[in-house]
Amino acid sequence: MENKITAGTIARTICLVLALVNQCLGMAGIQLIPIEDETINTLVTTLWTVGAAVWAWWKNNSFTKAALAGDAVMKKAKGED
């Protein structure tokens, strides 16, 4: 079995990076979501950042060869292979 980073790991990581960039830009006064009411804008971007962070790191995000090999062993032990 070849160890590869899953599409889900990549998608969650990209979503988290985009949320963090958006949050940092918002703190710098650059609004990417054009909403006039600052309270709503802050709420939306904060919820997006928190949601992306929880989603991204709730899952097992294996990037290294050792972690991917460990995932293969875990799946085999669980009978998911």
PDB file of N, CA and C in Angstrom:
ATOM      1  N   MET A   1       0.849  -1.188   0.000  1.00  0.00           N
ATOM      2  CA  MET A   1       0.000   0.000   0.000  1.00  0.00           C
ATOM      3  C   MET A   1       0.882   1.236   0.000  1.00  0.00           C
ATOM      4  N   GLU A   2       0.600   2.162  -0.877  1.00  0.00           N
ATOM      5  CA  GLU A   2       1.359   3.404  -0.971  1.00  0.00           C
ATOM      6  C   GLU A   2       0.755   4.438  -0.026  1.00  0.00           C
ATOM      7  N   ASN A   3       1.613   5.097   0.748  1.00  0.00           N
ATOM      8  CA  ASN A   3       1.148   6.119   1.679  1.00  0.00           C
ATOM      9  C   ASN A   3       1.062   7.460   0.968  1.00  0.00           C
ATOM     10  N   LYS A   4      -0.145   8.033   0.943  1.00  0.00           N
ATOM     11  CA  LYS A   4      -0.362   9.324   0.310  1.00  0.00           C
ATOM     12  C   LYS A   4      -1.155  10.218   1.247  1.00  0.00           C
ATOM     13  N   ILE A   5      -0.892  11.513   1.180  1.00  0.00           N
ATOM     14  CA  ILE A   5      -1.690  12.474   1.932  1.00  0.00           C
ATOM     15  C   ILE A   5      -3.073  12.489   1.304  1.00  0.00           C
ATOM     16  N   THR A   6      -4.106  12.400   2.124  1.00  0.00           N
ATOM     17  CA  THR A   6      -5.468  12.316   1.598  1.00  0.00           C
ATOM     18  C   THR A   6      -5.961  13.680   1.123  1.00  0.00           C
ATOM     19  N   ALA A   7      -6.937  13.637   0.241  1.00  0.00           N
ATOM     20  CA  ALA A   7      -7.539  14.866  -0.261  1.00  0.00           C
ATOM     21  C   ALA A   7      -8.225  15.630   0.865  1.00  0.00           C
ATOM     22  N   GLY A   8      -8.791  14.907   1.817  1.00  0.00           N
ATOM     23  CA  GLY A   8      -9.440  15.554   2.961  1.00  0.00           C
ATOM     24  C   GLY A   8      -8.453  16.342   3.811  1.00  0.00           C
ATOM     25  N   THR A   9      -7.256  15.781   4.015  1.00  0.00           N
ATOM     26  CA  THR A   9      -6.224  16.475   4.773  1.00  0.00           C
ATOM     27  C   THR A   9      -5.830  17.766   4.063  1.00  0.00           C
ATOM     28  N   ILE A  10      -5.655  17.696   2.768  1.00  0.00           N
ATOM     29  CA  ILE A  10      -5.269  18.881   1.996  1.00  0.00           C
ATOM     30  C   ILE A  10      -6.392  19.917   2.019  1.00  0.00           C
ATOM     31  N   ALA A  11      -7.636  19.490   1.830  1.00  0.00           N
ATOM     32  CA  ALA A  11      -8.771  20.414   1.809  1.00  0.00           C
ATOM     33  C   ALA A  11      -8.931  21.121   3.155  1.00  0.00           C
ATOM     34  N   ARG A  12      -8.834  20.372   4.253  1.00  0.00           N
ATOM     35  CA  ARG A  12      -8.969  20.976   5.580  1.00  0.00           C
ATOM     36  C   ARG A  12      -7.848  21.961   5.853  1.00  0.00           C
ATOM     37  N   THR A  13      -6.638  21.625   5.439  1.00  0.00           N
ATOM     38  CA  THR A  13      -5.498  22.507   5.664  1.00  0.00           C
ATOM     39  C   THR A  13      -5.637  23.790   4.848  1.00  0.00           C
ATOM     40  N   ILE A  14      -6.057  23.682   3.595  1.00  0.00           N
ATOM     41  CA  ILE A  14      -6.263  24.871   2.756  1.00  0.00           C
ATOM     42  C   ILE A  14      -7.356  25.752   3.347  1.00  0.00           C
ATOM     43  N   CYS A  15      -8.448  25.149   3.792  1.00  0.00           N
ATOM     44  CA  CYS A  15      -9.545  25.911   4.386  1.00  0.00           C
ATOM     45  C   CYS A  15      -9.074  26.652   5.628  1.00  0.00           C
ATOM     46  N   LEU A  16      -8.274  25.992   6.460  1.00  0.00           N
ATOM     47  CA  LEU A  16      -7.747  26.633   7.659  1.00  0.00           C
ATOM     48  C   LEU A  16      -6.826  27.785   7.299  1.00  0.00           C
ATOM     49  N   VAL A  17      -5.949  27.596   6.334  1.00  0.00           N
ATOM     50  CA  VAL A  17      -5.032  28.668   5.923  1.00  0.00           C
ATOM     51  C   VAL A  17      -5.815  29.866   5.393  1.00  0.00           C
ATOM     52  N   LEU A  18      -6.816  29.628   4.554  1.00  0.00           N
ATOM     53  CA  LEU A  18      -7.627  30.726   4.034  1.00  0.00           C
ATOM     54  C   LEU A  18      -8.359  31.467   5.149  1.00  0.00           C
ATOM     55  N   ALA A  19      -8.888  30.727   6.109  1.00  0.00           N
ATOM     56  CA  ALA A  19      -9.587  31.357   7.233  1.00  0.00           C
ATOM     57  C   ALA A  19      -8.630  32.200   8.067  1.00  0.00           C
ATOM     58  N   LEU A  20      -7.431  31.682   8.308  1.00  0.00           N
ATOM     59  CA  LEU A  20      -6.460  32.430   9.096  1.00  0.00           C
ATOM     60  C   LEU A  20      -5.983  33.681   8.358  1.00  0.00           C
ATOM     61  N   VAL A  21      -5.762  33.579   7.062  1.00  0.00           N
ATOM     62  CA  VAL A  21      -5.364  34.750   6.264  1.00  0.00           C
ATOM     63  C   VAL A  21      -6.473  35.793   6.292  1.00  0.00           C
ATOM     64  N   ASN A  22      -7.716  35.354   6.102  1.00  0.00           N
ATOM     65  CA  ASN A  22      -8.850  36.276   6.139  1.00  0.00           C
ATOM     66  C   ASN A  22      -8.951  36.958   7.504  1.00  0.00           C
ATOM     67  N   GLN A  23      -8.744  36.207   8.564  1.00  0.00           N
ATOM     68  CA  GLN A  23      -8.825  36.764   9.916  1.00  0.00           C
ATOM     69  C   GLN A  23      -7.728  37.800  10.128  1.00  0.00           C
ATOM     70  N   CYS A  24      -6.513  37.498   9.688  1.00  0.00           N
ATOM     71  CA  CYS A  24      -5.392  38.439   9.841  1.00  0.00           C
ATOM     72  C   CYS A  24      -5.632  39.704   9.019  1.00  0.00           C
ATOM     73  N   LEU A  25      -6.135  39.552   7.797  1.00  0.00           N
ATOM     74  CA  LEU A  25      -6.452  40.721   6.978  1.00  0.00           C
ATOM     75  C   LEU A  25      -7.555  41.560   7.623  1.00  0.00           C
ATOM     76  N   GLY A  26      -8.524  40.899   8.216  1.00  0.00           N
ATOM     77  CA  GLY A  26      -9.593  41.610   8.913  1.00  0.00           C
ATOM     78  C   GLY A  26      -9.061  42.406  10.090  1.00  0.00           C
ATOM     79  N   MET A  27      -8.117  41.828  10.825  1.00  0.00           N
ATOM     80  CA  MET A  27      -7.519  42.551  11.947  1.00  0.00           C
ATOM     81  C   MET A  27      -6.703  43.746  11.456  1.00  0.00           C
ATOM     82  N   ALA A  28      -6.178  43.669  10.230  1.00  0.00           N
ATOM     83  CA  ALA A  28      -5.397  44.768   9.654  1.00  0.00           C
ATOM     84  C   ALA A  28      -6.291  45.815   8.991  1.00  0.00           C
ATOM     85  N   GLY A  29      -7.597  45.608   9.020  1.00  0.00           N
ATOM     86  CA  GLY A  29      -8.519  46.574   8.450  1.00  0.00           C
ATOM     87  C   GLY A  29      -8.861  46.335   6.994  1.00  0.00           C
ATOM     88  N   ILE A  30      -8.417  45.230   6.424  1.00  0.00           N
ATOM     89  CA  ILE A  30      -8.725  44.885   5.032  1.00  0.00           C
ATOM     90  C   ILE A  30      -9.841  43.849   5.060  1.00  0.00           C
ATOM     91  N   GLN A  31     -11.029  44.256   4.634  1.00  0.00           N
ATOM     92  CA  GLN A  31     -12.178  43.371   4.716  1.00  0.00           C
ATOM     93  C   GLN A  31     -12.404  42.650   3.385  1.00  0.00           C
ATOM     94  N   LEU A  32     -12.345  41.330   3.404  1.00  0.00           N
ATOM     95  CA  LEU A  32     -12.581  40.543   2.200  1.00  0.00           C
ATOM     96  C   LEU A  32     -14.059  40.225   2.008  1.00  0.00           C
ATOM     97  N   ILE A  33     -14.799  40.251   3.110  1.00  0.00           N
ATOM     98  CA  ILE A  33     -16.248  40.028   3.040  1.00  0.00           C
ATOM     99  C   ILE A  33     -16.910  41.398   3.156  1.00  0.00           C
ATOM    100  N   PRO A  34     -17.451  41.929   2.055  1.00  0.00           N
ATOM    101  CA  PRO A  34     -17.959  43.302   2.063  1.00  0.00           C
ATOM    102  C   PRO A  34     -19.314  43.451   2.761  1.00  0.00           C
ATOM    103  N   ILE A  35     -19.297  43.471   4.086  1.00  0.00           N
ATOM    104  CA  ILE A  35     -20.507  43.686   4.879  1.00  0.00           C
ATOM    105  C   ILE A  35     -20.312  45.008   5.620  1.00  0.00           C
ATOM    106  N   GLU A  36     -21.295  45.864   5.548  1.00  0.00           N
ATOM    107  CA  GLU A  36     -21.174  47.191   6.145  1.00  0.00           C
ATOM    108  C   GLU A  36     -21.112  47.143   7.665  1.00  0.00           C
ATOM    109  N   ASP A  37     -21.894  46.318   8.277  1.00  0.00           N
ATOM    110  CA  ASP A  37     -21.946  46.273   9.730  1.00  0.00           C
ATOM    111  C   ASP A  37     -20.716  45.537  10.256  1.00  0.00           C
ATOM    112  N   GLU A  38     -19.850  46.243  10.931  1.00  0.00           N
ATOM    113  CA  GLU A  38     -18.586  45.676  11.408  1.00  0.00           C
ATOM    114  C   GLU A  38     -18.791  44.515  12.387  1.00  0.00           C
ATOM    115  N   THR A  39     -19.824  44.580  13.191  1.00  0.00           N
ATOM    116  CA  THR A  39     -20.088  43.503  14.148  1.00  0.00           C
ATOM    117  C   THR A  39     -20.399  42.199  13.430  1.00  0.00           C
ATOM    118  N   ILE A  40     -21.229  42.260  12.399  1.00  0.00           N
ATOM    119  CA  ILE A  40     -21.568  41.059  11.633  1.00  0.00           C
ATOM    120  C   ILE A  40     -20.340  40.529  10.916  1.00  0.00           C
ATOM    121  N   ASN A  41     -19.551  41.418  10.343  1.00  0.00           N
ATOM    122  CA  ASN A  41     -18.338  41.003   9.640  1.00  0.00           C
ATOM    123  C   ASN A  41     -17.376  40.288  10.588  1.00  0.00           C
ATOM    124  N   THR A  42     -17.165  40.844  11.759  1.00  0.00           N
ATOM    125  CA  THR A  42     -16.279  40.227  12.732  1.00  0.00           C
ATOM    126  C   THR A  42     -16.822  38.870  13.177  1.00  0.00           C
ATOM    127  N   LEU A  43     -18.111  38.792  13.400  1.00  0.00           N
ATOM    128  CA  LEU A  43     -18.730  37.534  13.813  1.00  0.00           C
ATOM    129  C   LEU A  43     -18.578  36.456  12.745  1.00  0.00           C
ATOM    130  N   VAL A  44     -18.838  36.806  11.489  1.00  0.00           N
ATOM    131  CA  VAL A  44     -18.742  35.839  10.399  1.00  0.00           C
ATOM    132  C   VAL A  44     -17.314  35.333  10.237  1.00  0.00           C
ATOM    133  N   THR A  45     -16.346  36.254  10.213  1.00  0.00           N
ATOM    134  CA  THR A  45     -14.961  35.820  10.006  1.00  0.00           C
ATOM    135  C   THR A  45     -14.432  35.028  11.189  1.00  0.00           C
ATOM    136  N   THR A  46     -14.831  35.396  12.390  1.00  0.00           N
ATOM    137  CA  THR A  46     -14.393  34.649  13.567  1.00  0.00           C
ATOM    138  C   THR A  46     -14.998  33.246  13.574  1.00  0.00           C
ATOM    139  N   LEU A  47     -16.281  33.142  13.272  1.00  0.00           N
ATOM    140  CA  LEU A  47     -16.918  31.817  13.215  1.00  0.00           C
ATOM    141  C   LEU A  47     -16.296  30.962  12.123  1.00  0.00           C
ATOM    142  N   TRP A  48     -15.978  31.562  10.981  1.00  0.00           N
ATOM    143  CA  TRP A  48     -15.340  30.835   9.898  1.00  0.00           C
ATOM    144  C   TRP A  48     -13.970  30.324  10.327  1.00  0.00           C
ATOM    145  N   THR A  49     -13.210  31.168  10.997  1.00  0.00           N
ATOM    146  CA  THR A  49     -11.881  30.767  11.464  1.00  0.00           C
ATOM    147  C   THR A  49     -11.969  29.650  12.493  1.00  0.00           C
ATOM    148  N   VAL A  50     -12.843  29.796  13.463  1.00  0.00           N
ATOM    149  CA  VAL A  50     -12.995  28.760  14.492  1.00  0.00           C
ATOM    150  C   VAL A  50     -13.484  27.457  13.868  1.00  0.00           C
ATOM    151  N   GLY A  51     -14.467  27.546  12.981  1.00  0.00           N
ATOM    152  CA  GLY A  51     -14.982  26.342  12.326  1.00  0.00           C
ATOM    153  C   GLY A  51     -13.921  25.635  11.501  1.00  0.00           C
ATOM    154  N   ALA A  52     -13.148  26.403  10.737  1.00  0.00           N
ATOM    155  CA  ALA A  52     -12.086  25.804   9.921  1.00  0.00           C
ATOM    156  C   ALA A  52     -11.015  25.170  10.789  1.00  0.00           C
ATOM    157  N   ALA A  53     -10.668  25.822  11.888  1.00  0.00           N
ATOM    158  CA  ALA A  53      -9.644  25.282  12.783  1.00  0.00           C
ATOM    159  C   ALA A  53     -10.110  23.971  13.424  1.00  0.00           C
ATOM    160  N   VAL A  54     -11.332  23.952  13.902  1.00  0.00           N
ATOM    161  CA  VAL A  54     -11.857  22.730  14.529  1.00  0.00           C
ATOM    162  C   VAL A  54     -11.958  21.611  13.504  1.00  0.00           C
ATOM    163  N   TRP A  55     -12.482  21.912  12.324  1.00  0.00           N
ATOM    164  CA  TRP A  55     -12.639  20.902  11.271  1.00  0.00           C
ATOM    165  C   TRP A  55     -11.290  20.370  10.819  1.00  0.00           C
ATOM    166  N   ALA A  56     -10.327  21.267  10.611  1.00  0.00           N
ATOM    167  CA  ALA A  56      -9.020  20.859  10.103  1.00  0.00           C
ATOM    168  C   ALA A  56      -8.271  19.963  11.084  1.00  0.00           C
ATOM    169  N   TRP A  57      -8.331  20.274  12.346  1.00  0.00           N
ATOM    170  CA  TRP A  57      -7.505  19.526  13.287  1.00  0.00           C
ATOM    171  C   TRP A  57      -8.273  18.468  14.064  1.00  0.00           C
ATOM    172  N   TRP A  58      -9.582  18.358  13.863  1.00  0.00           N
ATOM    173  CA  TRP A  58     -10.341  17.259  14.456  1.00  0.00           C
ATOM    174  C   TRP A  58      -9.949  15.959  13.768  1.00  0.00           C
ATOM    175  N   LYS A  59      -9.722  16.059  12.476  1.00  0.00           N
ATOM    176  CA  LYS A  59      -9.332  14.901  11.682  1.00  0.00           C
ATOM    177  C   LYS A  59      -7.850  14.611  11.874  1.00  0.00           C
ATOM    178  N   ASN A  60      -7.450  13.408  11.537  1.00  0.00           N
ATOM    179  CA  ASN A  60      -6.050  13.012  11.601  1.00  0.00           C
ATOM    180  C   ASN A  60      -5.358  13.492  10.336  1.00  0.00           C
ATOM    181  N   ASN A  61      -4.561  14.540  10.437  1.00  0.00           N
ATOM    182  CA  ASN A  61      -3.876  15.117   9.284  1.00  0.00           C
ATOM    183  C   ASN A  61      -2.438  14.622   9.260  1.00  0.00           C
ATOM    184  N   SER A  62      -2.196  13.603   8.489  1.00  0.00           N
ATOM    185  CA  SER A  62      -0.865  12.996   8.409  1.00  0.00           C
ATOM    186  C   SER A  62      -0.116  13.548   7.212  1.00  0.00           C
ATOM    187  N   PHE A  63       1.029  14.199   7.470  1.00  0.00           N
ATOM    188  CA  PHE A  63       1.851  14.772   6.411  1.00  0.00           C
ATOM    189  C   PHE A  63       3.172  14.028   6.247  1.00  0.00           C
ATOM    190  N   THR A  64       3.748  13.545   7.342  1.00  0.00           N
ATOM    191  CA  THR A  64       5.058  12.909   7.249  1.00  0.00           C
ATOM    192  C   THR A  64       4.926  11.453   6.819  1.00  0.00           C
ATOM    193  N   LYS A  65       6.015  10.901   6.293  1.00  0.00           N
ATOM    194  CA  LYS A  65       6.011   9.494   5.884  1.00  0.00           C
ATOM    195  C   LYS A  65       5.737   8.583   7.070  1.00  0.00           C
ATOM    196  N   ALA A  66       6.316   8.921   8.222  1.00  0.00           N
ATOM    197  CA  ALA A  66       6.105   8.103   9.422  1.00  0.00           C
ATOM    198  C   ALA A  66       4.628   8.108   9.842  1.00  0.00           C
ATOM    199  N   ALA A  67       3.996   9.283   9.784  1.00  0.00           N
ATOM    200  CA  ALA A  67       2.585   9.372  10.162  1.00  0.00           C
ATOM    201  C   ALA A  67       1.703   8.612   9.176  1.00  0.00           C
ATOM    202  N   LEU A  68       2.017   8.720   7.891  1.00  0.00           N
ATOM    203  CA  LEU A  68       1.245   7.991   6.878  1.00  0.00           C
ATOM    204  C   LEU A  68       1.408   6.482   7.047  1.00  0.00           C
ATOM    205  N   ALA A  69       2.627   6.046   7.378  1.00  0.00           N
ATOM    206  CA  ALA A  69       2.852   4.615   7.635  1.00  0.00           C
ATOM    207  C   ALA A  69       2.068   4.181   8.870  1.00  0.00           C
ATOM    208  N   GLY A  70       2.037   5.039   9.885  1.00  0.00           N
ATOM    209  CA  GLY A  70       1.259   4.740  11.090  1.00  0.00           C
ATOM    210  C   GLY A  70      -0.228   4.619  10.788  1.00  0.00           C
ATOM    211  N   ASP A  71      -0.726   5.474   9.894  1.00  0.00           N
ATOM    212  CA  ASP A  71      -2.132   5.384   9.485  1.00  0.00           C
ATOM    213  C   ASP A  71      -2.428   4.051   8.800  1.00  0.00           C
ATOM    214  N   ALA A  72      -1.478   3.604   7.968  1.00  0.00           N
ATOM    215  CA  ALA A  72      -1.661   2.326   7.275  1.00  0.00           C
ATOM    216  C   ALA A  72      -1.726   1.175   8.282  1.00  0.00           C
ATOM    217  N   VAL A  73      -0.853   1.208   9.298  1.00  0.00           N
ATOM    218  CA  VAL A  73      -0.858   0.174  10.342  1.00  0.00           C
ATOM    219  C   VAL A  73      -2.172   0.219  11.114  1.00  0.00           C
ATOM    220  N   MET A  74      -2.643   1.438  11.438  1.00  0.00           N
ATOM    221  CA  MET A  74      -3.899   1.580  12.179  1.00  0.00           C
ATOM    222  C   MET A  74      -5.075   1.030  11.375  1.00  0.00           C
ATOM    223  N   LYS A  75      -5.130   1.374  10.086  1.00  0.00           N
ATOM    224  CA  LYS A  75      -6.228   0.883   9.246  1.00  0.00           C
ATOM    225  C   LYS A  75      -6.202  -0.641   9.123  1.00  0.00           C
ATOM    226  N   LYS A  76      -5.004  -1.197   9.002  1.00  0.00           N
ATOM    227  CA  LYS A  76      -4.886  -2.654   8.912  1.00  0.00           C
ATOM    228  C   LYS A  76      -5.355  -3.302  10.211  1.00  0.00           C
ATOM    229  N   ALA A  77      -4.978  -2.703  11.345  1.00  0.00           N
ATOM    230  CA  ALA A  77      -5.386  -3.242  12.648  1.00  0.00           C
ATOM    231  C   ALA A  77      -6.897  -3.162  12.839  1.00  0.00           C
ATOM    232  N   LYS A  78      -7.508  -2.129  12.278  1.00  0.00           N
ATOM    233  CA  LYS A  78      -8.953  -1.960  12.386  1.00  0.00           C
ATOM    234  C   LYS A  78      -9.705  -2.760  11.330  1.00  0.00           C
ATOM    235  N   GLY A  79      -8.980  -3.330  10.376  1.00  0.00           N
ATOM    236  CA  GLY A  79      -9.612  -4.087   9.309  1.00  0.00           C
ATOM    237  C   GLY A  79     -10.218  -3.209   8.232  1.00  0.00           C
ATOM    238  N   GLU A  80      -9.744  -1.965   8.111  1.00  0.00           N
ATOM    239  CA  GLU A  80     -10.265  -1.033   7.117  1.00  0.00           C
ATOM    240  C   GLU A  80      -9.495  -1.089   5.817  1.00  0.00           C
ATOM    241  N   ASP A  81      -8.473  -1.917   5.748  1.00  0.00           N
ATOM    242  CA  ASP A  81      -7.603  -1.962   4.571  1.00  0.00           C
ATOM    243  C   ASP A  81      -8.208  -2.723   3.439  1.00  0.00           C
TER     244      ASP A  81
END
